[in-house]
Amino acid sequence: MKLVVVAVAPVPVGHRVRVSWYRRVEPGLAGQTRVEERPHQPRIADLDTGVVYDTDWAFGHGGRSAPDSPQAVEEQPLEGYEIAREIEATVRACRVVTVRTGRVLDVQTHLVLDP
């Protein structure tokens, strides 16, 4: 299975991981339920080292950034977020790529997983 994550997640080849995809569920108009998922922003837990790679999507952040100041990020998913699906797999390949879009640099991780 190939997985592209819009974050830095340099998991070593051979390590076991748990990948958790979150969804946000909130009430919508006229009794409808609104569900949002971001398949390229899962939580990746390296089961061999205990290191967890998250994005701020399900965990929030403190808002505006200030130079040389860290953002406050929650330890647990925010209210309304739940695990949509989860897999455990072994990393067969890992590539971290910096993508230049104009003046902005984005980083993404490409993982090949063997469930």
N, C-alpha and C. Protein backbone atom coordinates (compact mmCIF):
# COMPACT_ATOMS: atom_id res chain seq x y z
N MET A 1 0.85 -1.17 0.00
CA MET A 1 0.00 0.00 0.00
C MET A 1 0.89 1.23 0.00
N LYS A 2 0.59 2.19 -0.86
CA LYS A 2 1.32 3.46 -0.88
C LYS A 2 0.52 4.51 -0.15
N LEU A 3 1.21 5.30 0.67
CA LEU A 3 0.57 6.35 1.45
C LEU A 3 1.40 7.62 1.34
N VAL A 4 0.77 8.71 0.95
CA VAL A 4 1.42 10.02 0.93
C VAL A 4 0.83 10.85 2.06
N VAL A 5 1.70 11.35 2.90
CA VAL A 5 1.30 12.13 4.06
C VAL A 5 1.84 13.55 3.90
N VAL A 6 0.99 14.56 4.09
CA VAL A 6 1.45 15.94 3.97
C VAL A 6 2.02 16.40 5.31
N ALA A 7 3.10 15.74 5.69
CA ALA A 7 3.81 16.02 6.93
C ALA A 7 5.15 15.30 6.89
N VAL A 8 6.00 15.60 7.83
CA VAL A 8 7.27 14.90 7.97
C VAL A 8 7.04 13.69 8.87
N ALA A 9 7.29 12.50 8.33
CA ALA A 9 7.13 11.26 9.11
C ALA A 9 8.18 10.26 8.66
N PRO A 10 9.46 10.51 8.98
CA PRO A 10 10.54 9.64 8.51
C PRO A 10 10.67 8.34 9.30
N VAL A 11 9.74 7.44 9.08
CA VAL A 11 9.74 6.15 9.78
C VAL A 11 10.75 5.22 9.10
N PRO A 12 11.67 4.65 9.84
CA PRO A 12 12.67 3.77 9.24
C PRO A 12 12.05 2.52 8.61
N VAL A 13 12.67 2.09 7.53
CA VAL A 13 12.25 0.87 6.84
C VAL A 13 12.36 -0.31 7.81
N GLY A 14 11.35 -1.17 7.82
CA GLY A 14 11.32 -2.33 8.69
C GLY A 14 10.53 -2.12 9.97
N HIS A 15 10.24 -0.86 10.31
CA HIS A 15 9.50 -0.59 11.54
C HIS A 15 8.02 -0.89 11.34
N ARG A 16 7.38 -1.31 12.43
CA ARG A 16 5.93 -1.53 12.43
C ARG A 16 5.26 -0.22 12.81
N VAL A 17 4.16 0.11 12.14
CA VAL A 17 3.44 1.34 12.40
C VAL A 17 1.95 1.07 12.57
N ARG A 18 1.29 1.97 13.27
CA ARG A 18 -0.17 2.00 13.32
C ARG A 18 -0.57 3.33 12.68
N VAL A 19 -1.36 3.26 11.61
CA VAL A 19 -1.82 4.45 10.91
C VAL A 19 -3.30 4.62 11.23
N SER A 20 -3.64 5.81 11.75
CA SER A 20 -5.02 6.10 12.14
C SER A 20 -5.52 7.31 11.36
N TRP A 21 -6.62 7.12 10.63
CA TRP A 21 -7.24 8.21 9.90
C TRP A 21 -8.41 8.72 10.71
N TYR A 22 -8.48 10.03 10.91
CA TYR A 22 -9.55 10.64 11.68
C TYR A 22 -10.61 11.23 10.76
N ARG A 23 -11.80 11.38 11.31
CA ARG A 23 -12.85 12.13 10.64
C ARG A 23 -13.47 13.06 11.67
N ARG A 24 -13.96 14.18 11.16
CA ARG A 24 -14.65 15.15 12.02
C ARG A 24 -16.13 15.05 11.72
N VAL A 25 -16.92 14.84 12.75
CA VAL A 25 -18.36 14.71 12.61
C VAL A 25 -19.00 15.87 13.36
N GLU A 26 -19.83 16.64 12.65
CA GLU A 26 -20.51 17.76 13.30
C GLU A 26 -21.90 17.92 12.70
N PRO A 27 -22.81 18.44 13.48
CA PRO A 27 -24.17 18.63 12.97
C PRO A 27 -24.17 19.69 11.87
N GLY A 28 -24.98 19.43 10.86
CA GLY A 28 -25.11 20.38 9.77
C GLY A 28 -26.50 21.00 9.77
N LEU A 29 -26.87 21.60 8.67
CA LEU A 29 -28.17 22.24 8.54
C LEU A 29 -29.27 21.21 8.37
N ALA A 30 -30.45 21.53 8.84
CA ALA A 30 -31.65 20.71 8.68
C ALA A 30 -31.45 19.26 9.14
N GLY A 31 -30.73 19.09 10.24
CA GLY A 31 -30.55 17.75 10.79
C GLY A 31 -29.54 16.88 10.08
N GLN A 32 -28.89 17.42 9.06
CA GLN A 32 -27.87 16.66 8.34
C GLN A 32 -26.59 16.61 9.18
N THR A 33 -25.84 15.53 9.05
CA THR A 33 -24.55 15.41 9.72
C THR A 33 -23.46 15.67 8.70
N ARG A 34 -22.51 16.52 9.08
CA ARG A 34 -21.40 16.84 8.19
C ARG A 34 -20.19 16.03 8.63
N VAL A 35 -19.58 15.31 7.68
CA VAL A 35 -18.41 14.49 7.97
C VAL A 35 -17.27 14.95 7.07
N GLU A 36 -16.11 15.20 7.68
CA GLU A 36 -14.93 15.62 6.91
C GLU A 36 -13.79 14.67 7.23
N GLU A 37 -13.10 14.22 6.19
CA GLU A 37 -11.91 13.38 6.36
C GLU A 37 -10.77 13.97 5.55
N ARG A 38 -9.57 13.77 6.01
CA ARG A 38 -8.37 14.20 5.28
C ARG A 38 -7.44 13.00 5.18
N PRO A 39 -7.54 12.26 4.08
CA PRO A 39 -6.79 11.00 3.95
C PRO A 39 -5.27 11.16 3.95
N HIS A 40 -4.77 12.38 3.70
CA HIS A 40 -3.32 12.58 3.66
C HIS A 40 -2.79 13.18 4.96
N GLN A 41 -3.62 13.15 6.02
CA GLN A 41 -3.18 13.67 7.32
C GLN A 41 -3.49 12.68 8.45
N PRO A 42 -3.04 11.44 8.33
CA PRO A 42 -3.29 10.48 9.42
C PRO A 42 -2.30 10.65 10.56
N ARG A 43 -2.58 9.99 11.66
CA ARG A 43 -1.62 9.85 12.76
C ARG A 43 -0.82 8.59 12.44
N ILE A 44 0.49 8.68 12.55
CA ILE A 44 1.35 7.51 12.33
C ILE A 44 2.13 7.27 13.61
N ALA A 45 1.91 6.12 14.22
CA ALA A 45 2.62 5.75 15.43
C ALA A 45 3.64 4.67 15.08
N ASP A 46 4.92 4.96 15.30
CA ASP A 46 5.99 3.98 15.10
C ASP A 46 5.96 3.06 16.31
N LEU A 47 5.52 1.83 16.11
CA LEU A 47 5.35 0.90 17.22
C LEU A 47 6.67 0.38 17.76
N ASP A 48 7.76 0.54 17.01
CA ASP A 48 9.07 0.10 17.48
C ASP A 48 9.76 1.13 18.37
N THR A 49 9.54 2.41 18.09
CA THR A 49 10.21 3.45 18.87
C THR A 49 9.29 4.21 19.81
N GLY A 50 7.98 4.17 19.53
CA GLY A 50 7.02 4.94 20.32
C GLY A 50 6.83 6.36 19.81
N VAL A 51 7.54 6.75 18.76
CA VAL A 51 7.39 8.10 18.19
C VAL A 51 6.06 8.17 17.44
N VAL A 52 5.32 9.27 17.65
CA VAL A 52 4.04 9.48 16.97
C VAL A 52 4.15 10.71 16.10
N TYR A 53 3.71 10.58 14.84
CA TYR A 53 3.71 11.69 13.89
C TYR A 53 2.27 12.13 13.66
N ASP A 54 1.98 13.41 13.95
CA ASP A 54 0.65 13.97 13.80
C ASP A 54 0.72 15.23 12.94
N THR A 55 -0.43 15.61 12.39
CA THR A 55 -0.60 16.95 11.85
C THR A 55 -1.53 17.68 12.82
N ASP A 56 -1.70 18.96 12.61
CA ASP A 56 -2.55 19.72 13.53
C ASP A 56 -4.03 19.58 13.21
N TRP A 57 -4.39 18.87 12.15
CA TRP A 57 -5.79 18.83 11.74
C TRP A 57 -6.71 18.32 12.85
N ALA A 58 -6.44 17.16 13.40
CA ALA A 58 -7.31 16.60 14.44
C ALA A 58 -6.91 17.03 15.85
N PHE A 59 -5.77 17.72 15.98
CA PHE A 59 -5.25 18.04 17.31
C PHE A 59 -5.19 19.53 17.60
N GLY A 60 -5.55 20.36 16.60
CA GLY A 60 -5.62 21.80 16.81
C GLY A 60 -4.26 22.43 17.00
N HIS A 61 -4.27 23.74 17.05
CA HIS A 61 -3.05 24.51 17.33
C HIS A 61 -3.46 25.86 17.89
N GLY A 62 -2.47 26.61 18.34
CA GLY A 62 -2.74 27.85 19.05
C GLY A 62 -3.13 29.04 18.19
N GLY A 63 -3.26 28.89 16.90
CA GLY A 63 -3.66 30.01 16.05
C GLY A 63 -2.48 30.63 15.33
N ARG A 64 -2.35 31.93 15.43
CA ARG A 64 -1.29 32.64 14.72
C ARG A 64 0.08 32.24 15.28
N SER A 65 1.03 32.14 14.38
CA SER A 65 2.38 31.78 14.83
C SER A 65 3.20 33.02 15.08
N ALA A 66 4.15 32.88 15.95
CA ALA A 66 5.10 33.94 16.26
C ALA A 66 6.49 33.38 16.03
N PRO A 67 7.41 34.21 15.54
CA PRO A 67 8.77 33.71 15.29
C PRO A 67 9.37 33.07 16.53
N ASP A 68 9.99 31.93 16.35
CA ASP A 68 10.71 31.22 17.40
C ASP A 68 9.82 30.79 18.58
N SER A 69 8.51 30.66 18.34
CA SER A 69 7.61 30.23 19.40
C SER A 69 6.85 28.99 18.94
N PRO A 70 6.82 27.94 19.77
CA PRO A 70 6.08 26.74 19.38
C PRO A 70 4.58 26.97 19.48
N GLN A 71 3.83 26.20 18.73
CA GLN A 71 2.38 26.22 18.79
C GLN A 71 1.91 25.25 19.88
N ALA A 72 0.83 25.60 20.55
CA ALA A 72 0.22 24.69 21.51
C ALA A 72 -0.63 23.70 20.72
N VAL A 73 -0.37 22.40 20.88
CA VAL A 73 -1.10 21.36 20.18
C VAL A 73 -1.62 20.37 21.22
N GLU A 74 -2.90 20.01 21.09
CA GLU A 74 -3.53 19.10 22.04
C GLU A 74 -2.90 17.71 21.97
N GLU A 75 -2.93 16.99 23.09
CA GLU A 75 -2.42 15.62 23.15
C GLU A 75 -3.42 14.63 22.56
N GLN A 76 -4.70 14.92 22.73
CA GLN A 76 -5.78 14.05 22.25
C GLN A 76 -6.54 14.76 21.13
N PRO A 77 -7.21 14.01 20.27
CA PRO A 77 -8.00 14.64 19.22
C PRO A 77 -9.04 15.60 19.81
N LEU A 78 -9.33 16.65 19.08
CA LEU A 78 -10.32 17.62 19.51
C LEU A 78 -11.72 17.00 19.54
N GLU A 79 -12.63 17.64 20.23
CA GLU A 79 -14.01 17.17 20.31
C GLU A 79 -14.60 17.11 18.90
N GLY A 80 -15.32 16.04 18.61
CA GLY A 80 -15.93 15.88 17.30
C GLY A 80 -15.09 15.06 16.34
N TYR A 81 -13.85 14.74 16.73
CA TYR A 81 -12.97 13.92 15.89
C TYR A 81 -12.99 12.49 16.40
N GLU A 82 -13.03 11.55 15.48
CA GLU A 82 -13.02 10.13 15.85
C GLU A 82 -12.20 9.37 14.82
N ILE A 83 -11.74 8.20 15.22
CA ILE A 83 -10.97 7.38 14.28
C ILE A 83 -11.93 6.77 13.26
N ALA A 84 -11.64 7.02 11.98
CA ALA A 84 -12.46 6.48 10.89
C ALA A 84 -11.99 5.09 10.52
N ARG A 85 -10.66 4.91 10.50
CA ARG A 85 -10.10 3.58 10.23
C ARG A 85 -8.66 3.56 10.70
N GLU A 86 -8.15 2.34 10.87
CA GLU A 86 -6.81 2.17 11.42
C GLU A 86 -6.21 0.88 10.86
N ILE A 87 -4.92 0.92 10.57
CA ILE A 87 -4.22 -0.29 10.13
C ILE A 87 -2.89 -0.39 10.85
N GLU A 88 -2.38 -1.61 10.94
CA GLU A 88 -1.01 -1.83 11.38
C GLU A 88 -0.27 -2.43 10.20
N ALA A 89 0.96 -1.98 9.99
CA ALA A 89 1.72 -2.40 8.82
C ALA A 89 3.21 -2.27 9.11
N THR A 90 4.01 -2.81 8.19
CA THR A 90 5.46 -2.67 8.24
C THR A 90 5.88 -1.73 7.12
N VAL A 91 6.79 -0.81 7.43
CA VAL A 91 7.28 0.15 6.44
C VAL A 91 8.27 -0.56 5.53
N ARG A 92 8.02 -0.55 4.24
CA ARG A 92 8.91 -1.16 3.25
C ARG A 92 9.76 -0.12 2.53
N ALA A 93 9.28 1.12 2.47
CA ALA A 93 10.05 2.22 1.87
C ALA A 93 9.55 3.53 2.46
N CYS A 94 10.46 4.49 2.60
CA CYS A 94 10.11 5.81 3.13
C CYS A 94 10.92 6.86 2.39
N ARG A 95 10.23 7.88 1.89
CA ARG A 95 10.90 8.98 1.19
C ARG A 95 10.26 10.27 1.66
N VAL A 96 11.07 11.22 2.14
CA VAL A 96 10.59 12.53 2.57
C VAL A 96 10.95 13.51 1.46
N VAL A 97 9.93 14.25 0.98
CA VAL A 97 10.11 15.13 -0.18
C VAL A 97 9.74 16.56 0.18
N THR A 98 10.60 17.50 -0.18
CA THR A 98 10.30 18.92 -0.05
C THR A 98 9.79 19.40 -1.40
N VAL A 99 8.61 20.00 -1.40
CA VAL A 99 7.97 20.46 -2.63
C VAL A 99 7.94 21.98 -2.62
N ARG A 100 8.48 22.58 -3.66
CA ARG A 100 8.50 24.04 -3.76
C ARG A 100 7.31 24.48 -4.61
N THR A 101 6.47 25.34 -4.03
CA THR A 101 5.34 25.92 -4.75
C THR A 101 5.49 27.43 -4.64
N GLY A 102 6.06 28.02 -5.67
CA GLY A 102 6.36 29.45 -5.59
C GLY A 102 7.38 29.69 -4.50
N ARG A 103 7.03 30.51 -3.53
CA ARG A 103 7.94 30.81 -2.42
C ARG A 103 7.71 29.94 -1.19
N VAL A 104 6.76 29.05 -1.29
CA VAL A 104 6.41 28.20 -0.15
C VAL A 104 7.04 26.82 -0.32
N LEU A 105 7.58 26.29 0.78
CA LEU A 105 8.11 24.93 0.80
C LEU A 105 7.17 24.06 1.62
N ASP A 106 6.70 22.99 1.03
CA ASP A 106 5.88 22.01 1.72
C ASP A 106 6.67 20.72 1.82
N VAL A 107 6.37 19.93 2.83
CA VAL A 107 7.04 18.65 3.00
C VAL A 107 5.99 17.55 3.02
N GLN A 108 6.29 16.47 2.34
CA GLN A 108 5.40 15.31 2.36
C GLN A 108 6.24 14.06 2.49
N THR A 109 5.63 13.03 3.06
CA THR A 109 6.30 11.75 3.24
C THR A 109 5.59 10.69 2.41
N HIS A 110 6.37 9.93 1.68
CA HIS A 110 5.83 8.85 0.86
C HIS A 110 6.24 7.53 1.55
N LEU A 111 5.25 6.75 1.94
CA LEU A 111 5.50 5.48 2.60
C LEU A 111 4.94 4.33 1.77
N VAL A 112 5.67 3.24 1.72
CA VAL A 112 5.16 1.99 1.17
C VAL A 112 4.99 1.08 2.37
N LEU A 113 3.75 0.61 2.58
CA LEU A 113 3.41 -0.18 3.75
C LEU A 113 2.97 -1.58 3.33
N ASP A 114 3.37 -2.54 4.14
CA ASP A 114 2.96 -3.93 3.94
C ASP A 114 2.10 -4.32 5.13
N PRO A 115 0.75 -4.25 4.95
CA PRO A 115 -0.14 -4.57 6.08
C PRO A 115 0.00 -6.00 6.58
